[in-house]
């Protein structure tokens, strides 16, 4: 009889914290979404580049496509006519600046900064209608990241393209998360 009682107390002690958290409104991250259920097929338009840095928009478009495929929330389609919603974007600012230096004045760490105008809208199905309903948008989506370079003369090479490609993956991860969760 006492072992049954002890067993019930242990079970109650195990479930009590979970019940309290559920009662307080806590939820798992990534479960909330502002995306309507009927949005299943998405067209990702190639990003525009409004900066002087070539290829940055290509890196971002590819990384966002990869991230959307990884998340499996939507089916990416090849034309806007097939889609329920469209993601459009433009890189509006790009900057790389040195932030730390060696004792002889050579830059050893850089900060890469990207600003983009991104929107996720329902695809226009009615003739004469210019823009579909906005599901999510951010006209100043900012992303910053630093990267190091080897300062030894023999090991030094331009790491900017590699840094942009790596940063594009993290940009896509955070942007798609924000889009899906409505931040």
Protein backbone atom coordinates (compact mmCIF):
# COMPACT_ATOMS: atom_id res chain seq x y z
CA UNK A 1 0.00 0.00 0.00
CA UNK A 2 2.80 2.39 0.86
CA UNK A 3 4.69 1.64 -2.39
CA UNK A 4 1.53 2.44 -4.40
CA UNK A 5 1.19 5.73 -2.56
CA UNK A 6 4.85 6.58 -3.15
CA UNK A 7 4.48 5.69 -6.84
CA UNK A 8 1.52 8.09 -7.18
CA UNK A 9 3.46 10.87 -5.45
CA UNK A 10 6.39 10.42 -7.85
CA UNK A 11 4.03 10.49 -10.85
CA UNK A 12 2.33 13.63 -9.53
CA UNK A 13 5.69 15.32 -8.93
CA UNK A 14 6.73 14.44 -12.47
CA UNK A 15 3.61 15.81 -14.18
CA UNK A 16 3.01 18.87 -11.98
CA UNK A 17 5.71 21.13 -13.58
CA UNK A 18 4.47 20.28 -17.08
CA UNK A 19 0.87 21.05 -16.14
CA UNK A 20 1.90 24.37 -14.58
CA UNK A 21 3.80 25.40 -17.73
CA UNK A 22 0.89 24.47 -19.99
CA UNK A 23 -1.50 26.39 -17.75
CA UNK A 24 0.71 29.50 -17.92
CA UNK A 25 0.51 29.65 -21.71
CA UNK A 26 4.03 28.48 -22.53
CA UNK A 27 4.42 26.83 -25.91
CA UNK A 28 7.21 25.27 -27.90
CA UNK A 29 9.15 27.68 -30.08
CA UNK A 30 8.41 27.20 -33.75
CA UNK A 31 4.81 26.08 -33.30
CA UNK A 32 3.18 29.50 -33.69
CA UNK A 33 2.47 30.70 -37.19
CA UNK A 34 0.74 33.61 -38.87
CA UNK A 35 0.70 31.79 -42.19
CA UNK A 36 -2.84 30.91 -43.34
CA UNK A 37 -3.38 27.16 -43.69
CA UNK A 38 -4.37 27.50 -47.35
CA UNK A 39 -0.90 28.81 -48.28
CA UNK A 40 0.81 25.64 -49.41
CA UNK A 41 2.64 26.53 -52.62
CA UNK A 42 5.13 29.39 -52.61
CA UNK A 43 7.04 31.10 -55.39
CA UNK A 44 10.39 32.62 -54.42
CA UNK A 45 11.17 35.44 -56.82
CA UNK A 46 14.89 36.05 -57.38
CA UNK A 47 16.01 38.85 -55.08
CA UNK A 48 16.95 42.19 -56.61
CA UNK A 49 20.33 43.76 -55.96
CA UNK A 50 20.26 47.48 -55.22
CA UNK A 51 23.87 47.54 -54.05
CA UNK A 52 27.22 47.71 -55.79
CA UNK A 53 28.25 44.23 -54.53
CA UNK A 54 27.69 41.68 -57.28
CA UNK A 55 26.17 38.26 -56.55
CA UNK A 56 24.93 39.01 -53.03
CA UNK A 57 21.29 38.66 -54.14
CA UNK A 58 22.07 35.31 -55.77
CA UNK A 59 23.59 33.93 -52.57
CA UNK A 60 20.56 35.09 -50.58
CA UNK A 61 17.96 33.74 -53.02
CA UNK A 62 19.64 30.33 -53.11
CA UNK A 63 20.02 30.16 -49.32
CA UNK A 64 16.36 31.10 -48.76
CA UNK A 65 15.24 28.45 -51.27
CA UNK A 66 17.38 25.85 -49.49
CA UNK A 67 16.00 26.87 -46.10
CA UNK A 68 12.39 26.71 -47.30
CA UNK A 69 12.99 23.23 -48.73
CA UNK A 70 14.60 22.11 -45.47
CA UNK A 71 11.67 23.35 -43.37
CA UNK A 72 9.11 21.54 -45.56
CA UNK A 73 6.33 23.93 -44.59
CA UNK A 74 5.70 24.90 -48.22
CA UNK A 75 6.13 23.43 -51.64
CA UNK A 76 8.33 25.72 -53.73
CA UNK A 77 6.90 26.17 -57.21
CA UNK A 78 8.60 27.48 -60.33
CA UNK A 79 6.09 30.16 -61.32
CA UNK A 80 3.99 32.75 -59.59
CA UNK A 81 0.88 31.50 -61.41
CA UNK A 82 1.15 28.15 -59.58
CA UNK A 83 1.60 29.71 -56.15
CA UNK A 84 -0.64 30.68 -53.24
CA UNK A 85 1.91 33.25 -52.06
CA UNK A 86 5.11 34.90 -53.26
CA UNK A 87 8.29 35.90 -51.47
CA UNK A 88 9.98 38.95 -53.00
CA UNK A 89 13.07 40.72 -51.82
CA UNK A 90 15.72 43.25 -52.61
CA UNK A 91 19.13 43.71 -51.04
CA UNK A 92 19.13 47.42 -50.24
CA UNK A 93 22.45 47.72 -48.41
CA UNK A 94 25.62 45.68 -48.18
CA UNK A 95 28.73 46.54 -46.24
CA UNK A 96 31.93 44.86 -45.16
CA UNK A 97 34.07 46.72 -42.67
CA UNK A 98 37.18 45.74 -40.69
CA UNK A 99 36.57 45.61 -36.94
CA UNK A 100 39.81 44.25 -35.45
CA UNK A 101 43.41 44.63 -36.53
CA UNK A 102 46.76 42.97 -35.91
CA UNK A 103 49.60 44.88 -34.28
CA UNK A 104 50.98 45.71 -37.74
CA UNK A 105 47.66 47.21 -38.85
CA UNK A 106 46.31 44.38 -41.01
CA UNK A 107 42.59 43.65 -40.63
CA UNK A 108 41.94 40.27 -39.04
CA UNK A 109 38.19 40.42 -38.48
CA UNK A 110 35.44 41.97 -40.60
CA UNK A 111 31.78 42.68 -40.04
CA UNK A 112 29.44 41.86 -42.88
CA UNK A 113 26.12 43.71 -42.87
CA UNK A 114 23.12 43.06 -45.14
CA UNK A 115 19.85 44.98 -45.24
CA UNK A 116 16.96 43.68 -47.32
CA UNK A 117 13.39 44.64 -48.15
CA UNK A 118 11.42 41.38 -47.99
CA UNK A 119 7.72 40.65 -48.40
CA UNK A 120 5.57 37.54 -48.32
CA UNK A 121 2.22 38.17 -50.00
CA UNK A 122 -0.66 36.20 -51.30
CA UNK A 123 -0.35 35.74 -55.03
CA UNK A 124 -2.70 38.01 -56.95
CA UNK A 125 -5.39 35.91 -58.60
CA UNK A 126 -7.72 38.76 -59.58
CA UNK A 127 -6.94 40.68 -62.80
CA UNK A 128 -6.32 44.37 -62.17
CA UNK A 129 -5.20 43.83 -58.57
CA UNK A 130 -1.57 44.93 -58.16
CA UNK A 131 -0.44 43.50 -54.83
CA UNK A 132 -1.80 40.58 -52.86
CA UNK A 133 -2.53 40.64 -49.13
CA UNK A 134 0.62 41.01 -47.03
CA UNK A 135 1.23 37.96 -44.86
CA UNK A 136 4.62 39.14 -43.57
CA UNK A 137 6.94 41.98 -44.56
CA UNK A 138 10.01 43.79 -43.33
CA UNK A 139 11.40 46.64 -45.40
CA UNK A 140 14.60 46.90 -43.29
CA UNK A 141 15.48 43.29 -42.48
CA UNK A 142 18.99 43.55 -41.04
CA UNK A 143 21.60 40.88 -40.63
CA UNK A 144 25.13 41.28 -39.25
CA UNK A 145 27.88 38.80 -38.76
CA UNK A 146 31.62 38.92 -38.28
CA UNK A 147 34.22 36.68 -39.84
CA UNK A 148 37.94 36.27 -39.30
CA UNK A 149 40.73 36.13 -41.87
CA UNK A 150 44.21 34.75 -41.47
CA UNK A 151 46.62 37.64 -41.16
CA UNK A 152 49.75 35.74 -42.19
CA UNK A 153 50.84 36.95 -45.62
CA UNK A 154 51.05 33.41 -47.03
CA UNK A 155 47.57 32.43 -45.71
CA UNK A 156 45.76 35.66 -46.50
CA UNK A 157 43.20 35.57 -49.27
CA UNK A 158 39.92 37.29 -50.01
CA UNK A 159 37.34 35.49 -47.91
CA UNK A 160 34.50 37.86 -48.78
CA UNK A 161 32.66 35.48 -51.15
CA UNK A 162 32.98 32.61 -48.69
CA UNK A 163 31.76 34.87 -45.87
CA UNK A 164 28.79 36.07 -47.95
CA UNK A 165 27.81 32.51 -48.80
CA UNK A 166 28.07 31.40 -45.16
CA UNK A 167 26.22 34.49 -43.93
CA UNK A 168 23.49 33.99 -46.54
CA UNK A 169 22.70 30.62 -44.96
CA UNK A 170 22.29 32.16 -41.51
CA UNK A 171 20.39 35.14 -42.97
CA UNK A 172 17.98 32.65 -44.60
CA UNK A 173 17.59 30.66 -41.38
CA UNK A 174 16.66 33.72 -39.32
CA UNK A 175 14.50 35.29 -42.04
CA UNK A 176 12.48 32.13 -42.67
CA UNK A 177 12.04 31.63 -38.91
CA UNK A 178 10.78 35.22 -38.58
CA UNK A 179 8.48 34.77 -41.56
CA UNK A 180 7.00 31.52 -40.22
CA UNK A 181 6.57 32.79 -36.67
CA UNK A 182 5.43 36.30 -37.59
CA UNK A 183 8.25 38.32 -36.01
